[in-house]
């Protein structure tokens, strides 16, 4: 019985770490795609660079916020 509890606790920690890693990887990929798309849009229409840049920053902040929430949930899963 004790071995099963310890094994499930280990799997829970592994799952939380994998969840945090996937959230960080997903945020990195998302921000990379946002940056690439913004640079392509600025190259096509240089006169609207300010608008594109400000929209890119807002969207990148939203992606980072979601990733932060995901990491916090994974950390809470470790300790609760």
PDB file of N, CA and C in Angstrom:
ATOM      1  N   UNK A   1       0.828  -1.202   0.000  1.00  0.00           N
ATOM      2  CA  UNK A   1       0.000   0.000   0.000  1.00  0.00           C
ATOM      3  C   UNK A   1       0.864   1.253   0.000  1.00  0.00           C
ATOM      4  N   UNK A   2       1.889   1.266   0.847  1.00  0.00           N
ATOM      5  CA  UNK A   2       2.782   2.416   0.921  1.00  0.00           C
ATOM      6  C   UNK A   2       3.532   2.604  -0.391  1.00  0.00           C
ATOM      7  N   UNK A   3       3.904   1.504  -1.024  1.00  0.00           N
ATOM      8  CA  UNK A   3       4.615   1.593  -2.303  1.00  0.00           C
ATOM      9  C   UNK A   3       3.731   2.225  -3.372  1.00  0.00           C
ATOM     10  N   UNK A   4       2.437   1.919  -3.339  1.00  0.00           N
ATOM     11  CA  UNK A   4       1.524   2.496  -4.323  1.00  0.00           C
ATOM     12  C   UNK A   4       1.357   3.994  -4.097  1.00  0.00           C
ATOM     13  N   UNK A   5       1.302   4.398  -2.838  1.00  0.00           N
ATOM     14  CA  UNK A   5       1.169   5.823  -2.522  1.00  0.00           C
ATOM     15  C   UNK A   5       2.422   6.577  -2.964  1.00  0.00           C
ATOM     16  N   UNK A   6       3.595   6.010  -2.683  1.00  0.00           N
ATOM     17  CA  UNK A   6       4.835   6.663  -3.082  1.00  0.00           C
ATOM     18  C   UNK A   6       4.972   6.709  -4.599  1.00  0.00           C
ATOM     19  N   UNK A   7       4.547   5.640  -5.271  1.00  0.00           N
ATOM     20  CA  UNK A   7       4.618   5.623  -6.735  1.00  0.00           C
ATOM     21  C   UNK A   7       3.676   6.654  -7.332  1.00  0.00           C
ATOM     22  N   UNK A   8       2.479   6.779  -6.766  1.00  0.00           N
ATOM     23  CA  UNK A   8       1.542   7.774  -7.307  1.00  0.00           C
ATOM     24  C   UNK A   8       2.033   9.193  -7.030  1.00  0.00           C
ATOM     25  N   UNK A   9       2.689   9.408  -5.891  1.00  0.00           N
ATOM     26  CA  UNK A   9       3.243  10.727  -5.593  1.00  0.00           C
ATOM     27  C   UNK A   9       4.368  11.054  -6.573  1.00  0.00           C
ATOM     28  N   UNK A  10       5.172  10.067  -6.902  1.00  0.00           N
ATOM     29  CA  UNK A  10       6.241  10.287  -7.879  1.00  0.00           C
ATOM     30  C   UNK A  10       5.690  10.584  -9.254  1.00  0.00           C
ATOM     31  N   UNK A  11       4.648   9.873  -9.640  1.00  0.00           N
ATOM     32  CA  UNK A  11       4.026  10.129 -10.937  1.00  0.00           C
ATOM     33  C   UNK A  11       3.364  11.497 -10.973  1.00  0.00           C
ATOM     34  N   UNK A  12       2.812  11.921  -9.839  1.00  0.00           N
ATOM     35  CA  UNK A  12       2.196  13.241  -9.779  1.00  0.00           C
ATOM     36  C   UNK A  12       3.254  14.324  -9.983  1.00  0.00           C
ATOM     37  N   UNK A  13       4.404  14.159  -9.353  1.00  0.00           N
ATOM     38  CA  UNK A  13       5.482  15.135  -9.521  1.00  0.00           C
ATOM     39  C   UNK A  13       6.000  15.131 -10.954  1.00  0.00           C
ATOM     40  N   UNK A  14       6.116  13.960 -11.536  1.00  0.00           N
ATOM     41  CA  UNK A  14       6.558  13.865 -12.917  1.00  0.00           C
ATOM     42  C   UNK A  14       5.557  14.521 -13.856  1.00  0.00           C
ATOM     43  N   UNK A  15       4.281  14.292 -13.614  1.00  0.00           N
ATOM     44  CA  UNK A  15       3.244  14.901 -14.446  1.00  0.00           C
ATOM     45  C   UNK A  15       3.225  16.414 -14.320  1.00  0.00           C
ATOM     46  N   UNK A  16       3.424  16.927 -13.113  1.00  0.00           N
ATOM     47  CA  UNK A  16       3.460  18.375 -12.920  1.00  0.00           C
ATOM     48  C   UNK A  16       4.659  18.988 -13.624  1.00  0.00           C
ATOM     49  N   UNK A  17       5.795  18.332 -13.544  1.00  0.00           N
ATOM     50  CA  UNK A  17       6.986  18.846 -14.226  1.00  0.00           C
ATOM     51  C   UNK A  17       6.816  18.809 -15.738  1.00  0.00           C
ATOM     52  N   UNK A  18       6.236  17.736 -16.256  1.00  0.00           N
ATOM     53  CA  UNK A  18       5.995  17.657 -17.693  1.00  0.00           C
ATOM     54  C   UNK A  18       4.986  18.705 -18.144  1.00  0.00           C
ATOM     55  N   UNK A  19       3.972  18.947 -17.327  1.00  0.00           N
ATOM     56  CA  UNK A  19       2.996  19.980 -17.657  1.00  0.00           C
ATOM     57  C   UNK A  19       3.616  21.358 -17.715  1.00  0.00           C
ATOM     58  N   UNK A  20       4.478  21.663 -16.745  1.00  0.00           N
ATOM     59  CA  UNK A  20       5.156  22.957 -16.750  1.00  0.00           C
ATOM     60  C   UNK A  20       6.086  23.083 -17.953  1.00  0.00           C
ATOM     61  N   UNK A  21       6.768  21.995 -18.285  1.00  0.00           N
ATOM     62  CA  UNK A  21       7.673  22.025 -19.435  1.00  0.00           C
ATOM     63  C   UNK A  21       6.894  22.234 -20.734  1.00  0.00           C
ATOM     64  N   UNK A  22       5.777  21.554 -20.880  1.00  0.00           N
ATOM     65  CA  UNK A  22       4.965  21.716 -22.091  1.00  0.00           C
ATOM     66  C   UNK A  22       4.395  23.127 -22.191  1.00  0.00           C
ATOM     67  N   UNK A  23       4.020  23.702 -21.061  1.00  0.00           N
ATOM     68  CA  UNK A  23       3.510  25.081 -21.070  1.00  0.00           C
ATOM     69  C   UNK A  23       4.603  26.051 -21.515  1.00  0.00           C
ATOM     70  N   UNK A  24       5.810  25.867 -21.021  1.00  0.00           N
ATOM     71  CA  UNK A  24       6.915  26.752 -21.398  1.00  0.00           C
ATOM     72  C   UNK A  24       7.281  26.574 -22.872  1.00  0.00           C
ATOM     73  N   UNK A  25       7.301  25.330 -23.331  1.00  0.00           N
ATOM     74  CA  UNK A  25       7.616  25.074 -24.737  1.00  0.00           C
ATOM     75  C   UNK A  25       6.539  25.661 -25.638  1.00  0.00           C
ATOM     76  N   UNK A  26       5.289  25.471 -25.267  1.00  0.00           N
ATOM     77  CA  UNK A  26       4.190  26.018 -26.059  1.00  0.00           C
ATOM     78  C   UNK A  26       4.235  27.532 -26.124  1.00  0.00           C
ATOM     79  N   UNK A  27       4.558  28.175 -25.011  1.00  0.00           N
ATOM     80  CA  UNK A  27       4.662  29.642 -25.005  1.00  0.00           C
ATOM     81  C   UNK A  27       5.812  30.105 -25.893  1.00  0.00           C
ATOM     82  N   UNK A  28       6.922  29.389 -25.848  1.00  0.00           N
ATOM     83  CA  UNK A  28       8.060  29.755 -26.699  1.00  0.00           C
ATOM     84  C   UNK A  28       7.734  29.623 -28.174  1.00  0.00           C
ATOM     85  N   UNK A  29       7.064  28.546 -28.531  1.00  0.00           N
ATOM     86  CA  UNK A  29       6.664  28.354 -29.927  1.00  0.00           C
ATOM     87  C   UNK A  29       5.666  29.428 -30.342  1.00  0.00           C
ATOM     88  N   UNK A  30       4.696  29.709 -29.475  1.00  0.00           N
ATOM     89  CA  UNK A  30       3.695  30.722 -29.799  1.00  0.00           C
ATOM     90  C   UNK A  30       4.289  32.095 -29.995  1.00  0.00           C
ATOM     91  N   UNK A  31       5.194  32.500 -29.116  1.00  0.00           N
ATOM     92  CA  UNK A  31       5.807  33.811 -29.238  1.00  0.00           C
ATOM     93  C   UNK A  31       6.720  33.871 -30.462  1.00  0.00           C
ATOM     94  N   UNK A  32       7.376  32.762 -30.776  1.00  0.00           N
ATOM     95  CA  UNK A  32       8.186  32.718 -31.992  1.00  0.00           C
ATOM     96  C   UNK A  32       7.349  32.905 -33.239  1.00  0.00           C
ATOM     97  N   UNK A  33       6.182  32.253 -33.273  1.00  0.00           N
ATOM     98  CA  UNK A  33       5.297  32.416 -34.430  1.00  0.00           C
ATOM     99  C   UNK A  33       4.745  33.837 -34.514  1.00  0.00           C
ATOM    100  N   UNK A  34       4.427  34.424 -33.362  1.00  0.00           N
ATOM    101  CA  UNK A  34       3.940  35.800 -33.344  1.00  0.00           C
ATOM    102  C   UNK A  34       5.014  36.743 -33.881  1.00  0.00           C
ATOM    103  N   UNK A  35       6.239  36.569 -33.420  1.00  0.00           N
ATOM    104  CA  UNK A  35       7.332  37.423 -33.884  1.00  0.00           C
ATOM    105  C   UNK A  35       7.591  37.264 -35.374  1.00  0.00           C
ATOM    106  N   UNK A  36       7.567  36.033 -35.856  1.00  0.00           N
ATOM    107  CA  UNK A  36       7.800  35.793 -37.280  1.00  0.00           C
ATOM    108  C   UNK A  36       6.701  36.424 -38.128  1.00  0.00           C
ATOM    109  N   UNK A  37       5.467  36.253 -37.699  1.00  0.00           N
ATOM    110  CA  UNK A  37       4.353  36.830 -38.453  1.00  0.00           C
ATOM    111  C   UNK A  37       4.394  38.355 -38.425  1.00  0.00           C
ATOM    112  N   UNK A  38       4.785  38.923 -37.298  1.00  0.00           N
ATOM    113  CA  UNK A  38       4.870  40.379 -37.197  1.00  0.00           C
ATOM    114  C   UNK A  38       5.984  40.919 -38.086  1.00  0.00           C
ATOM    115  N   UNK A  39       7.112  40.254 -38.107  1.00  0.00           N
ATOM    116  CA  UNK A  39       8.211  40.719 -38.960  1.00  0.00           C
ATOM    117  C   UNK A  39       7.835  40.629 -40.440  1.00  0.00           C
ATOM    118  N   UNK A  40       7.128  39.573 -40.802  1.00  0.00           N
ATOM    119  CA  UNK A  40       6.674  39.441 -42.192  1.00  0.00           C
ATOM    120  C   UNK A  40       5.665  40.541 -42.528  1.00  0.00           C
ATOM    121  N   UNK A  41       4.763  40.834 -41.602  1.00  0.00           N
ATOM    122  CA  UNK A  41       3.774  41.886 -41.846  1.00  0.00           C
ATOM    123  C   UNK A  41       4.438  43.253 -41.945  1.00  0.00           C
ATOM    124  N   UNK A  42       5.433  43.511 -41.110  1.00  0.00           N
ATOM    125  CA  UNK A  42       6.144  44.790 -41.172  1.00  0.00           C
ATOM    126  C   UNK A  42       6.926  44.892 -42.485  1.00  0.00           C
ATOM    127  N   UNK A  43       7.483  43.769 -42.950  1.00  0.00           N
ATOM    128  CA  UNK A  43       8.210  43.789 -44.219  1.00  0.00           C
ATOM    129  C   UNK A  43       7.265  44.079 -45.383  1.00  0.00           C
ATOM    130  N   UNK A  44       6.029  43.608 -45.290  1.00  0.00           N
ATOM    131  CA  UNK A  44       5.069  43.845 -46.368  1.00  0.00           C
ATOM    132  C   UNK A  44       4.498  45.254 -46.325  1.00  0.00           C
ATOM    133  N   UNK A  45       4.258  45.776 -45.121  1.00  0.00           N
ATOM    134  CA  UNK A  45       3.682  47.117 -44.968  1.00  0.00           C
ATOM    135  C   UNK A  45       4.464  47.905 -43.916  1.00  0.00           C
ATOM    136  N   UNK A  46       5.589  48.470 -44.308  1.00  0.00           N
ATOM    137  CA  UNK A  46       6.428  49.185 -43.325  1.00  0.00           C
ATOM    138  C   UNK A  46       5.737  50.401 -42.701  1.00  0.00           C
ATOM    139  N   UNK A  47       4.762  50.979 -43.387  1.00  0.00           N
ATOM    140  CA  UNK A  47       4.110  52.170 -42.850  1.00  0.00           C
ATOM    141  C   UNK A  47       3.240  51.867 -41.633  1.00  0.00           C
ATOM    142  N   UNK A  48       2.839  50.622 -41.445  1.00  0.00           N
ATOM    143  CA  UNK A  48       2.011  50.268 -40.285  1.00  0.00           C
ATOM    144  C   UNK A  48       2.806  49.497 -39.237  1.00  0.00           C
ATOM    145  N   UNK A  49       4.105  49.743 -39.168  1.00  0.00           N
ATOM    146  CA  UNK A  49       4.964  49.008 -38.238  1.00  0.00           C
ATOM    147  C   UNK A  49       4.583  49.260 -36.781  1.00  0.00           C
ATOM    148  N   UNK A  50       4.197  50.483 -36.452  1.00  0.00           N
ATOM    149  CA  UNK A  50       3.839  50.799 -35.057  1.00  0.00           C
ATOM    150  C   UNK A  50       2.615  50.039 -34.589  1.00  0.00           C
ATOM    151  N   UNK A  51       1.594  49.982 -35.435  1.00  0.00           N
ATOM    152  CA  UNK A  51       0.381  49.244 -35.073  1.00  0.00           C
ATOM    153  C   UNK A  51       0.659  47.759 -34.938  1.00  0.00           C
ATOM    154  N   UNK A  52       1.420  47.225 -35.877  1.00  0.00           N
ATOM    155  CA  UNK A  52       1.734  45.787 -35.848  1.00  0.00           C
ATOM    156  C   UNK A  52       2.546  45.457 -34.607  1.00  0.00           C
ATOM    157  N   UNK A  53       3.524  46.307 -34.288  1.00  0.00           N
ATOM    158  CA  UNK A  53       4.371  46.055 -33.127  1.00  0.00           C
ATOM    159  C   UNK A  53       3.569  46.096 -31.831  1.00  0.00           C
ATOM    160  N   UNK A  54       2.670  47.066 -31.707  1.00  0.00           N
ATOM    161  CA  UNK A  54       1.887  47.149 -30.470  1.00  0.00           C
ATOM    162  C   UNK A  54       0.939  45.953 -30.344  1.00  0.00           C
ATOM    163  N   UNK A  55       0.339  45.523 -31.450  1.00  0.00           N
ATOM    164  CA  UNK A  55      -0.506  44.331 -31.400  1.00  0.00           C
ATOM    165  C   UNK A  55       0.304  43.089 -31.067  1.00  0.00           C
ATOM    166  N   UNK A  56       1.520  43.010 -31.592  1.00  0.00           N
ATOM    167  CA  UNK A  56       2.384  41.867 -31.306  1.00  0.00           C
ATOM    168  C   UNK A  56       2.715  41.806 -29.815  1.00  0.00           C
ATOM    169  N   UNK A  57       2.991  42.947 -29.220  1.00  0.00           N
ATOM    170  CA  UNK A  57       3.338  42.972 -27.794  1.00  0.00           C
ATOM    171  C   UNK A  57       2.151  42.545 -26.937  1.00  0.00           C
ATOM    172  N   UNK A  58       0.953  43.004 -27.289  1.00  0.00           N
ATOM    173  CA  UNK A  58      -0.242  42.626 -26.532  1.00  0.00           C
ATOM    174  C   UNK A  58      -0.489  41.119 -26.630  1.00  0.00           C
ATOM    175  N   UNK A  59      -0.394  40.583 -27.829  1.00  0.00           N
ATOM    176  CA  UNK A  59      -0.645  39.148 -28.012  1.00  0.00           C
ATOM    177  C   UNK A  59       0.432  38.320 -27.312  1.00  0.00           C
ATOM    178  N   UNK A  60       1.689  38.752 -27.384  1.00  0.00           N
ATOM    179  CA  UNK A  60       2.762  38.034 -26.697  1.00  0.00           C
ATOM    180  C   UNK A  60       2.553  38.055 -25.182  1.00  0.00           C
ATOM    181  N   UNK A  61       2.067  39.162 -24.655  1.00  0.00           N
ATOM    182  CA  UNK A  61       1.791  39.233 -23.218  1.00  0.00           C
ATOM    183  C   UNK A  61       0.665  38.280 -22.832  1.00  0.00           C
ATOM    184  N   UNK A  62      -0.348  38.166 -23.685  1.00  0.00           N
ATOM    185  CA  UNK A  62      -1.432  37.217 -23.397  1.00  0.00           C
ATOM    186  C   UNK A  62      -0.934  35.781 -23.416  1.00  0.00           C
ATOM    187  N   UNK A  63      -0.069  35.451 -24.360  1.00  0.00           N
ATOM    188  CA  UNK A  63       0.492  34.097 -24.425  1.00  0.00           C
ATOM    189  C   UNK A  63       1.331  33.829 -23.179  1.00  0.00           C
ATOM    190  N   UNK A  64       2.132  34.780 -22.774  1.00  0.00           N
ATOM    191  CA  UNK A  64       2.942  34.614 -21.559  1.00  0.00           C
ATOM    192  C   UNK A  64       2.064  34.459 -20.321  1.00  0.00           C
ATOM    193  N   UNK A  65       0.958  35.200 -20.288  1.00  0.00           N
ATOM    194  CA  UNK A  65       0.045  35.074 -19.151  1.00  0.00           C
ATOM    195  C   UNK A  65      -0.558  33.686 -19.050  1.00  0.00           C
ATOM    196  N   UNK A  66      -0.957  33.137 -20.169  1.00  0.00           N
ATOM    197  CA  UNK A  66      -1.513  31.777 -20.167  1.00  0.00           C
ATOM    198  C   UNK A  66      -0.450  30.772 -19.745  1.00  0.00           C
ATOM    199  N   UNK A  67       0.767  30.947 -20.232  1.00  0.00           N
ATOM    200  CA  UNK A  67       1.852  30.037 -19.843  1.00  0.00           C
ATOM    201  C   UNK A  67       2.155  30.149 -18.349  1.00  0.00           C
ATOM    202  N   UNK A  68       2.108  31.363 -17.827  1.00  0.00           N
ATOM    203  CA  UNK A  68       2.344  31.555 -16.392  1.00  0.00           C
ATOM    204  C   UNK A  68       1.268  30.859 -15.567  1.00  0.00           C
ATOM    205  N   UNK A  69       0.006  30.997 -15.985  1.00  0.00           N
ATOM    206  CA  UNK A  69      -1.073  30.303 -15.283  1.00  0.00           C
ATOM    207  C   UNK A  69      -0.872  28.789 -15.326  1.00  0.00           C
ATOM    208  N   UNK A  70      -0.443  28.269 -16.458  1.00  0.00           N
ATOM    209  CA  UNK A  70      -0.226  26.830 -16.585  1.00  0.00           C
ATOM    210  C   UNK A  70       0.890  26.358 -15.655  1.00  0.00           C
ATOM    211  N   UNK A  71       1.964  27.126 -15.588  1.00  0.00           N
ATOM    212  CA  UNK A  71       3.071  26.752 -14.693  1.00  0.00           C
ATOM    213  C   UNK A  71       2.633  26.839 -13.238  1.00  0.00           C
ATOM    214  N   UNK A  72       1.859  27.838 -12.875  1.00  0.00           N
ATOM    215  CA  UNK A  72       1.379  27.964 -11.500  1.00  0.00           C
ATOM    216  C   UNK A  72       0.477  26.791 -11.132  1.00  0.00           C
ATOM    217  N   UNK A  73      -0.397  26.390 -12.052  1.00  0.00           N
ATOM    218  CA  UNK A  73      -1.256  25.232 -11.792  1.00  0.00           C
ATOM    219  C   UNK A  73      -0.419  23.973 -11.599  1.00  0.00           C
ATOM    220  N   UNK A  74       0.628  23.808 -12.382  1.00  0.00           N
ATOM    221  CA  UNK A  74       1.501  22.649 -12.218  1.00  0.00           C
ATOM    222  C   UNK A  74       2.238  22.680 -10.889  1.00  0.00           C
ATOM    223  N   UNK A  75       2.676  23.860 -10.472  1.00  0.00           N
ATOM    224  CA  UNK A  75       3.336  23.975  -9.174  1.00  0.00           C
ATOM    225  C   UNK A  75       2.348  23.702  -8.039  1.00  0.00           C
ATOM    226  N   UNK A  76       1.131  24.204  -8.172  1.00  0.00           N
ATOM    227  CA  UNK A  76       0.133  23.928  -7.150  1.00  0.00           C
ATOM    228  C   UNK A  76      -0.196  22.441  -7.077  1.00  0.00           C
ATOM    229  N   UNK A  77      -0.166  21.761  -8.212  1.00  0.00           N
ATOM    230  CA  UNK A  77      -0.408  20.321  -8.210  1.00  0.00           C
ATOM    231  C   UNK A  77       0.674  19.567  -7.442  1.00  0.00           C
ATOM    232  N   UNK A  78       1.870  20.125  -7.394  1.00  0.00           N
ATOM    233  CA  UNK A  78       2.939  19.484  -6.633  1.00  0.00           C
ATOM    234  C   UNK A  78       2.705  19.567  -5.126  1.00  0.00           C
ATOM    235  N   UNK A  79       2.192  20.698  -4.674  1.00  0.00           N
ATOM    236  CA  UNK A  79       2.138  20.935  -3.237  1.00  0.00           C
ATOM    237  C   UNK A  79       0.755  20.761  -2.613  1.00  0.00           C
ATOM    238  N   UNK A  80      -0.266  20.602  -3.410  1.00  0.00           N
ATOM    239  CA  UNK A  80      -1.612  20.461  -2.850  1.00  0.00           C
ATOM    240  C   UNK A  80      -2.087  19.039  -3.003  1.00  0.00           C
TER     241      UNK A  80
END
